[in-house]
Amino acid sequence: MYGSRGAGAAAARRASVALLGAALLVAGCSSSGDGEDKGAPEEVGAKITQQPEETDPFWVNPGSNAAQQVESLERAGKKDQAALIRRIAQQPTGEWISPENPEEQARGFTEAADKAGRTALLVLYNIPRRDCGQYSQGGAADGDTYRKFIDDVAKGIGDRAATVVLEPDAVLHLVDGCTPDQFHEERYDLLKGAVAKLAALKNTKVYLDAGNAGWGRPDQIFEPLKWAGIDQADGFAVNVSNFYSTEDSIAYGKQLSAKVGGKHFVVDTSRNGNGPYTEGAPDERWCNPPGRALGETPTVRTADPLVDAYLWIKRPGESDGECKGGPRAGVWWTDYALELAGGTG
């Protein structure tokens, strides 16, 4: 209802491609030295560079959909379009772990990031009855299946550095009435258990999704966040897969932080360069809205001490769902990617 997360059936295929990219990264990346080039962007693939670690410590996947699109466009001689998509390909984006072989996926991403001296950004989106039957419906079959999924992801991460965004919309849909009451107790238990399991890992940070600036008030969600284990998490995430401005997202996050013990938070800035779409039916404005733009590039140097990072949690260029001419949720959509990358944000 408030933003499809774009995981969907394409997640497993993306994971396979990304793991291949991880192998390419290990073979071909260069790291900053101690000489004149220290602080310069790093090359992680063909004409794909990454910013200095102190600014943006997250891993860029050289096998991403965007990176492959850059190569395809260059081979076709479409250099202007390739340059636009490179704006996406050279940024670290969330790796959405699918239910198929989650341990192997988590291990592959974190090993590749570790060998590059970076941190993997992972998104877990597999809660039972996710997305309330909408474009990204699905999730684990039951609570035990979900617990095993979390256990497997934790095993895959191990002691390597990872930042995990946990279950977009899962708490929000408990608050807005989308998830039936009979499933609330189980979901809180599952989320709390997932936070505890992941936060116990040596070098993993966990951010529990907390909605966005446009859906409601912090008063409506701060207690549910506590029931879901926010006290054990490193913080919360706002604006995941949505389009609210960074300024509005920070204001929302700061109000919420004050109600959950001063917890820090991260902001998804992947597509918020032009702010939210305000036309058409309100319950469809989040789905592939036209005229949007990329937002602030990922960085840990933010405008507020409570904001740990601006992140591209949603992968720009991947569809929100079958609306406005888009493909299935999570499928790469070149035309939309070009529009985002060519926006004025």
Protein backbone atom coordinates (compact mmCIF):
# COMPACT_ATOMS: atom_id res chain seq x y z
CA MET A 1 0.00 0.00 0.00
CA TYR A 2 2.81 2.42 0.82
CA GLY A 3 5.50 1.17 -1.48
CA SER A 4 6.27 -2.14 -3.11
CA ARG A 5 9.72 -3.30 -2.16
CA GLY A 6 10.63 -4.79 -5.48
CA ALA A 7 11.86 -8.14 -4.21
CA GLY A 8 9.40 -10.46 -5.94
CA ALA A 9 10.20 -13.43 -8.12
CA ALA A 10 13.22 -11.73 -9.68
CA ALA A 11 15.21 -11.83 -6.45
CA ALA A 12 16.76 -15.24 -7.02
CA ARG A 13 17.90 -14.31 -10.52
CA ARG A 14 19.39 -11.06 -9.24
CA ALA A 15 21.20 -12.95 -6.52
CA SER A 16 22.83 -15.28 -9.04
CA VAL A 17 23.95 -12.36 -11.18
CA ALA A 18 25.22 -10.48 -8.16
CA LEU A 19 27.21 -13.43 -6.88
CA LEU A 20 28.87 -13.66 -10.29
CA GLY A 21 29.63 -9.97 -9.97
CA ALA A 22 31.19 -10.63 -6.61
CA ALA A 23 33.64 -13.01 -8.22
CA LEU A 24 34.50 -10.40 -10.83
CA LEU A 25 35.09 -7.84 -8.11
CA VAL A 26 37.51 -10.09 -6.25
CA ALA A 27 39.48 -10.63 -9.43
CA GLY A 28 39.56 -7.09 -10.74
CA CYS A 29 39.12 -4.37 -8.15
CA SER A 30 41.83 -2.01 -6.97
CA SER A 31 42.09 -0.47 -3.53
CA SER A 32 43.30 2.97 -2.50
CA GLY A 33 46.97 3.14 -1.65
CA ASP A 34 48.80 5.38 0.76
CA GLY A 35 50.20 7.71 -1.89
CA GLU A 36 48.81 10.48 -4.03
CA ASP A 37 45.66 8.58 -5.02
CA LYS A 38 44.43 8.12 -1.43
CA GLY A 39 40.85 9.33 -1.21
CA ALA A 40 40.23 9.04 -4.95
CA PRO A 41 37.35 6.94 -6.26
CA GLU A 42 38.13 3.23 -6.67
CA GLU A 43 37.59 1.31 -9.90
CA VAL A 44 35.35 -1.71 -9.35
CA GLY A 45 34.44 -2.63 -12.91
CA ALA A 46 34.52 -1.34 -16.45
CA LYS A 47 34.30 2.44 -16.04
CA ILE A 48 32.51 1.99 -12.70
CA THR A 49 34.08 3.82 -9.76
CA GLN A 50 33.34 3.94 -6.05
CA GLN A 51 33.80 6.81 -3.63
CA PRO A 52 36.40 6.79 -0.82
CA GLU A 53 35.64 4.45 2.08
CA GLU A 54 35.46 7.22 4.65
CA THR A 55 32.65 8.83 2.65
CA ASP A 56 30.85 5.72 1.43
CA PRO A 57 32.02 2.43 2.97
CA PHE A 58 29.46 0.23 1.23
CA TRP A 59 30.20 -2.30 -1.50
CA VAL A 60 29.45 -1.61 -5.15
CA ASN A 61 28.41 -4.79 -6.98
CA PRO A 62 30.05 -4.80 -10.43
CA GLY A 63 27.62 -7.50 -11.57
CA SER A 64 24.46 -5.52 -10.82
CA ASN A 65 21.65 -5.09 -13.32
CA ALA A 66 22.72 -1.48 -13.79
CA ALA A 67 26.35 -2.43 -14.46
CA GLN A 68 25.29 -5.00 -17.03
CA GLN A 69 23.04 -2.42 -18.65
CA VAL A 70 25.97 -0.01 -18.93
CA GLU A 71 28.02 -2.63 -20.78
CA SER A 72 25.10 -3.47 -23.08
CA LEU A 73 24.48 0.15 -23.97
CA GLU A 74 28.16 0.78 -24.62
CA ARG A 75 28.35 -2.22 -26.95
CA ALA A 76 25.36 -0.80 -28.79
CA GLY A 77 27.10 2.55 -29.15
CA LYS A 78 24.56 4.33 -26.95
CA LYS A 79 27.15 6.24 -24.95
CA ASP A 80 24.79 8.94 -23.65
CA GLN A 81 22.40 6.37 -22.21
CA ALA A 82 25.30 4.36 -20.80
CA ALA A 83 26.54 7.47 -19.02
CA LEU A 84 23.13 7.94 -17.42
CA ILE A 85 22.85 4.36 -16.19
CA ARG A 86 26.42 4.57 -14.89
CA ARG A 87 25.09 7.07 -12.34
CA ILE A 88 23.23 4.11 -10.83
CA ALA A 89 25.82 1.40 -11.45
CA GLN A 90 28.61 3.19 -9.60
CA GLN A 91 26.64 3.46 -6.35
CA PRO A 92 26.21 0.74 -3.72
CA THR A 93 22.65 -0.53 -3.56
CA GLY A 94 20.84 -2.98 -1.30
CA GLU A 95 21.21 -6.68 -2.03
CA TRP A 96 17.75 -8.17 -1.39
CA ILE A 97 18.25 -11.70 -0.09
CA SER A 98 15.80 -14.16 -1.60
CA PRO A 99 14.51 -17.32 0.17
CA GLU A 100 16.47 -19.57 -2.18
CA ASN A 101 19.85 -20.40 -0.62
CA PRO A 102 19.96 -17.35 1.70
CA GLU A 103 23.09 -18.57 3.49
CA GLU A 104 25.02 -18.79 0.23
CA GLN A 105 23.79 -15.37 -0.89
CA ALA A 106 24.72 -13.68 2.38
CA ARG A 107 28.11 -15.36 2.35
CA GLY A 108 28.77 -14.40 -1.27
CA PHE A 109 27.92 -10.75 -0.82
CA THR A 110 29.78 -10.31 2.46
CA GLU A 111 32.87 -12.18 1.25
CA ALA A 112 33.05 -10.03 -1.88
CA ALA A 113 32.59 -6.88 0.17
CA ASP A 114 35.16 -8.01 2.73
CA LYS A 115 37.78 -8.70 0.08
CA ALA A 116 37.16 -5.22 -1.29
CA GLY A 117 37.51 -3.70 2.19
CA ARG A 118 33.87 -2.66 2.19
CA THR A 119 30.60 -3.35 4.00
CA ALA A 120 27.76 -5.31 2.40
CA LEU A 121 24.31 -3.69 2.42
CA LEU A 122 21.68 -6.42 2.74
CA VAL A 123 17.88 -6.20 2.77
CA LEU A 124 15.75 -8.95 4.30
CA TYR A 125 12.20 -9.04 2.98
CA ASN A 126 10.69 -12.42 3.67
CA ILE A 127 8.26 -11.98 6.57
CA PRO A 128 5.18 -14.23 6.25
CA ARG A 129 2.24 -12.51 4.49
CA ARG A 130 4.39 -9.61 3.35
CA ASP A 131 2.96 -6.69 1.36
CA CYS A 132 -0.64 -7.64 2.19
CA GLY A 133 -1.22 -9.47 -1.10
CA GLN A 134 -0.07 -6.62 -3.31
CA TYR A 135 2.67 -6.46 -5.99
CA SER A 136 5.38 -7.94 -3.76
CA GLN A 137 3.18 -10.44 -1.94
CA GLY A 138 4.73 -13.62 -0.64
CA GLY A 139 7.27 -14.25 2.09
CA ALA A 140 8.05 -17.28 4.20
CA ALA A 141 5.37 -19.94 4.45
CA ASP A 142 5.26 -19.80 8.25
CA GLY A 143 7.11 -18.68 11.35
CA ASP A 144 9.47 -21.63 11.52
CA THR A 145 10.45 -21.17 7.88
CA TYR A 146 11.19 -17.51 8.57
CA ARG A 147 13.31 -18.33 11.62
CA LYS A 148 15.39 -20.71 9.54
CA PHE A 149 15.76 -18.02 6.88
CA ILE A 150 17.17 -15.63 9.48
CA ASP A 151 19.43 -18.33 10.92
CA ASP A 152 20.78 -19.06 7.44
CA VAL A 153 21.43 -15.39 6.70
CA ALA A 154 23.25 -15.01 10.01
CA LYS A 155 25.43 -18.03 9.22
CA GLY A 156 26.23 -16.56 5.82
CA ILE A 157 27.25 -13.21 7.24
CA GLY A 158 29.39 -14.63 10.04
CA ASP A 159 31.92 -12.13 11.39
CA ARG A 160 32.12 -10.08 8.20
CA ALA A 161 30.87 -6.50 8.03
CA ALA A 162 27.23 -6.05 7.04
CA THR A 163 24.48 -3.50 7.39
CA VAL A 164 21.04 -5.12 7.34
CA VAL A 165 17.75 -3.35 6.65
CA LEU A 166 15.14 -5.58 8.19
CA GLU A 167 11.71 -6.23 6.70
CA PRO A 168 10.43 -3.14 4.87
CA ASP A 169 6.76 -2.45 5.72
CA ALA A 170 6.52 -5.29 8.27
CA VAL A 171 5.87 -3.02 11.27
CA LEU A 172 4.00 -0.41 9.25
CA HIS A 173 1.47 -2.97 8.04
CA LEU A 174 0.79 -3.97 11.63
CA VAL A 175 -0.10 -0.37 12.41
CA ASP A 176 -2.17 0.55 9.37
CA GLY A 177 -4.53 -2.43 9.63
CA CYS A 178 -3.25 -4.14 6.50
CA THR A 179 -2.07 -7.24 8.36
CA PRO A 180 -4.95 -9.08 10.13
CA ASP A 181 -4.94 -8.98 13.92
CA GLN A 182 -4.49 -12.73 14.35
CA PHE A 183 -0.99 -12.49 12.84
CA HIS A 184 0.28 -9.57 14.93
CA GLU A 185 1.69 -11.51 17.86
CA GLU A 186 3.63 -13.87 15.62
CA ARG A 187 5.06 -11.05 13.51
CA TYR A 188 6.30 -9.14 16.53
CA ASP A 189 7.92 -12.32 17.81
CA LEU A 190 9.57 -13.01 14.46
CA LEU A 191 10.89 -9.48 14.10
CA LYS A 192 12.21 -9.37 17.65
CA GLY A 193 13.94 -12.70 17.15
CA ALA A 194 15.46 -11.56 13.86
CA VAL A 195 16.79 -8.36 15.40
CA ALA A 196 18.33 -10.28 18.29
CA LYS A 197 19.93 -12.90 16.02
CA LEU A 198 21.46 -10.40 13.61
CA ALA A 199 22.48 -7.81 16.19
CA ALA A 200 24.45 -10.51 18.02
CA LEU A 201 26.79 -10.89 15.05
CA LYS A 202 30.19 -9.34 15.57
CA ASN A 203 30.23 -6.80 12.74
CA THR A 204 26.58 -6.48 11.71
CA LYS A 205 24.40 -3.40 12.12
CA VAL A 206 20.63 -3.82 12.02
CA TYR A 207 18.08 -1.17 11.06
CA LEU A 208 14.39 -2.04 11.46
CA ASP A 209 12.11 -0.47 8.87
CA ALA A 210 9.94 2.33 10.28
CA GLY A 211 7.86 3.62 7.38
CA ASN A 212 8.14 7.02 5.77
CA ALA A 213 7.28 10.66 6.21
CA GLY A 214 4.01 10.44 4.29
CA TRP A 215 2.04 7.61 5.84
CA GLY A 216 1.27 8.79 9.37
CA ARG A 217 2.75 10.06 12.63
CA PRO A 218 5.63 8.78 14.78
CA ASP A 219 3.10 8.44 17.63
CA GLN A 220 1.49 5.59 15.71
CA ILE A 221 4.56 3.43 15.27
CA PHE A 222 7.01 3.98 18.12
CA GLU A 223 5.41 1.43 20.46
CA PRO A 224 5.10 -1.22 17.74
CA LEU A 225 8.79 -0.66 16.96
CA LYS A 226 9.59 -1.37 20.60
CA TRP A 227 7.49 -4.54 20.50
CA ALA A 228 9.44 -5.54 17.37
CA GLY A 229 12.80 -5.22 19.11
CA ILE A 230 14.07 -1.75 18.22
CA ASP A 231 15.88 -1.57 21.56
CA GLN A 232 18.27 -4.30 20.40
CA ALA A 233 18.72 -2.86 16.91
CA ASP A 234 21.26 -0.24 15.90
CA GLY A 235 18.41 1.93 14.68
CA PHE A 236 15.68 2.16 12.08
CA ALA A 237 15.27 2.89 8.36
CA VAL A 238 12.94 5.42 6.78
CA ASN A 239 11.68 6.08 3.24
CA VAL A 240 12.55 2.60 1.96
CA SER A 241 11.50 2.37 -1.70
CA ASN A 242 9.68 5.68 -1.37
CA PHE A 243 10.12 9.20 -2.65
CA TYR A 244 9.79 11.60 0.26
CA SER A 245 12.48 14.27 0.39
CA THR A 246 15.55 13.79 2.51
CA GLU A 247 14.59 16.86 4.53
CA ASP A 248 11.14 15.48 5.33
CA SER A 249 12.56 12.03 6.02
CA ILE A 250 15.07 13.40 8.49
CA ALA A 251 12.37 15.41 10.24
CA TYR A 252 10.21 12.29 10.53
CA GLY A 253 13.14 10.20 11.70
CA LYS A 254 14.18 12.70 14.37
CA GLN A 255 10.66 12.85 15.79
CA LEU A 256 10.56 9.07 15.90
CA SER A 257 14.05 8.78 17.35
CA ALA A 258 13.00 10.91 20.31
CA LYS A 259 10.33 8.32 21.12
CA VAL A 260 12.56 5.24 20.85
CA GLY A 261 15.46 6.17 23.06
CA GLY A 262 17.39 8.37 20.68
CA LYS A 263 18.04 5.60 18.17
CA HIS A 264 19.92 6.56 15.03
CA PHE A 265 18.47 5.94 11.57
CA VAL A 266 19.26 5.65 7.88
CA VAL A 267 17.39 7.24 4.96
CA ASP A 268 16.71 5.66 1.57
CA THR A 269 17.59 8.42 -0.90
CA SER A 270 17.65 6.23 -3.98
CA ARG A 271 14.76 7.90 -5.84
CA ASN A 272 13.76 10.97 -3.84
CA GLY A 273 15.53 13.64 -5.88
CA ASN A 274 12.26 15.25 -6.98
CA GLY A 275 10.23 14.33 -3.92
CA PRO A 276 6.94 12.41 -3.91
CA TYR A 277 4.49 12.12 -6.79
CA THR A 278 1.27 13.98 -6.01
CA GLU A 279 -1.04 13.09 -8.91
CA GLY A 280 -3.42 10.21 -9.47
CA ALA A 281 -4.93 7.87 -6.89
CA PRO A 282 -3.16 8.21 -3.52
CA ASP A 283 -2.79 4.46 -3.08
CA GLU A 284 -0.90 4.18 -6.39
CA ARG A 285 1.40 7.20 -6.19
CA TRP A 286 4.25 5.11 -4.81
CA CYS A 287 4.24 2.67 -7.73
CA ASN A 288 6.60 3.63 -10.58
CA PRO A 289 5.68 7.32 -10.44
CA PRO A 290 6.84 9.35 -13.44
CA GLY A 291 9.09 12.38 -13.24
CA ARG A 292 11.20 11.17 -10.31
CA ALA A 293 14.97 11.42 -9.96
CA LEU A 294 17.88 9.86 -8.13
CA GLY A 295 18.50 11.37 -4.71
CA GLU A 296 21.63 12.02 -2.68
CA THR A 297 24.31 9.47 -3.35
CA PRO A 298 25.05 7.00 -0.56
CA THR A 299 27.26 8.40 2.18
CA VAL A 300 27.89 8.24 5.90
CA ARG A 301 28.54 11.99 5.90
CA THR A 302 25.01 13.19 6.47
CA ALA A 303 23.31 16.38 7.53
CA ASP A 304 22.48 15.25 11.06
CA PRO A 305 24.32 13.30 13.80
CA LEU A 306 21.27 11.04 14.25
CA VAL A 307 21.40 9.98 10.58
CA ASP A 308 23.98 7.23 10.20
CA ALA A 309 23.80 7.13 6.39
CA TYR A 310 21.99 7.97 3.22
CA LEU A 311 21.55 4.62 1.45
CA TRP A 312 20.17 3.37 -1.83
CA ILE A 313 18.14 0.56 -0.27
CA LYS A 314 15.72 0.26 -3.18
CA ARG A 315 17.64 -0.52 -6.36
CA PRO A 316 16.96 2.35 -8.81
CA GLY A 317 15.76 1.08 -12.15
CA GLU A 318 13.94 -1.97 -10.80
CA SER A 319 10.16 -1.88 -11.06
CA ASP A 320 7.79 -1.35 -8.13
CA GLY A 321 5.25 -3.64 -9.76
CA GLU A 322 2.94 -4.04 -12.72
CA CYS A 323 1.62 -0.50 -12.75
CA LYS A 324 2.10 2.43 -15.14
CA GLY A 325 3.44 0.05 -17.75
CA GLY A 326 6.06 -1.53 -15.50
CA PRO A 327 7.13 -5.18 -15.33
CA ARG A 328 6.88 -7.38 -12.22
CA ALA A 329 8.21 -6.02 -8.96
CA GLY A 330 11.99 -6.22 -8.84
CA VAL A 331 12.53 -6.59 -12.59
CA TRP A 332 14.97 -4.19 -14.25
CA TRP A 333 13.18 -1.57 -16.37
CA THR A 334 15.58 0.33 -18.61
CA ASP A 335 13.21 3.16 -19.58
CA TYR A 336 12.42 3.94 -15.95
CA ALA A 337 16.09 3.75 -14.99
CA LEU A 338 16.96 6.25 -17.71
CA GLU A 339 14.21 8.57 -16.49
CA LEU A 340 15.46 8.42 -12.91
CA ALA A 341 19.09 8.95 -13.90
CA GLY A 342 18.19 11.83 -16.19
CA GLY A 343 16.02 13.59 -13.60
CA THR A 344 16.92 16.92 -12.10
CA GLY A 345 17.28 15.70 -8.50
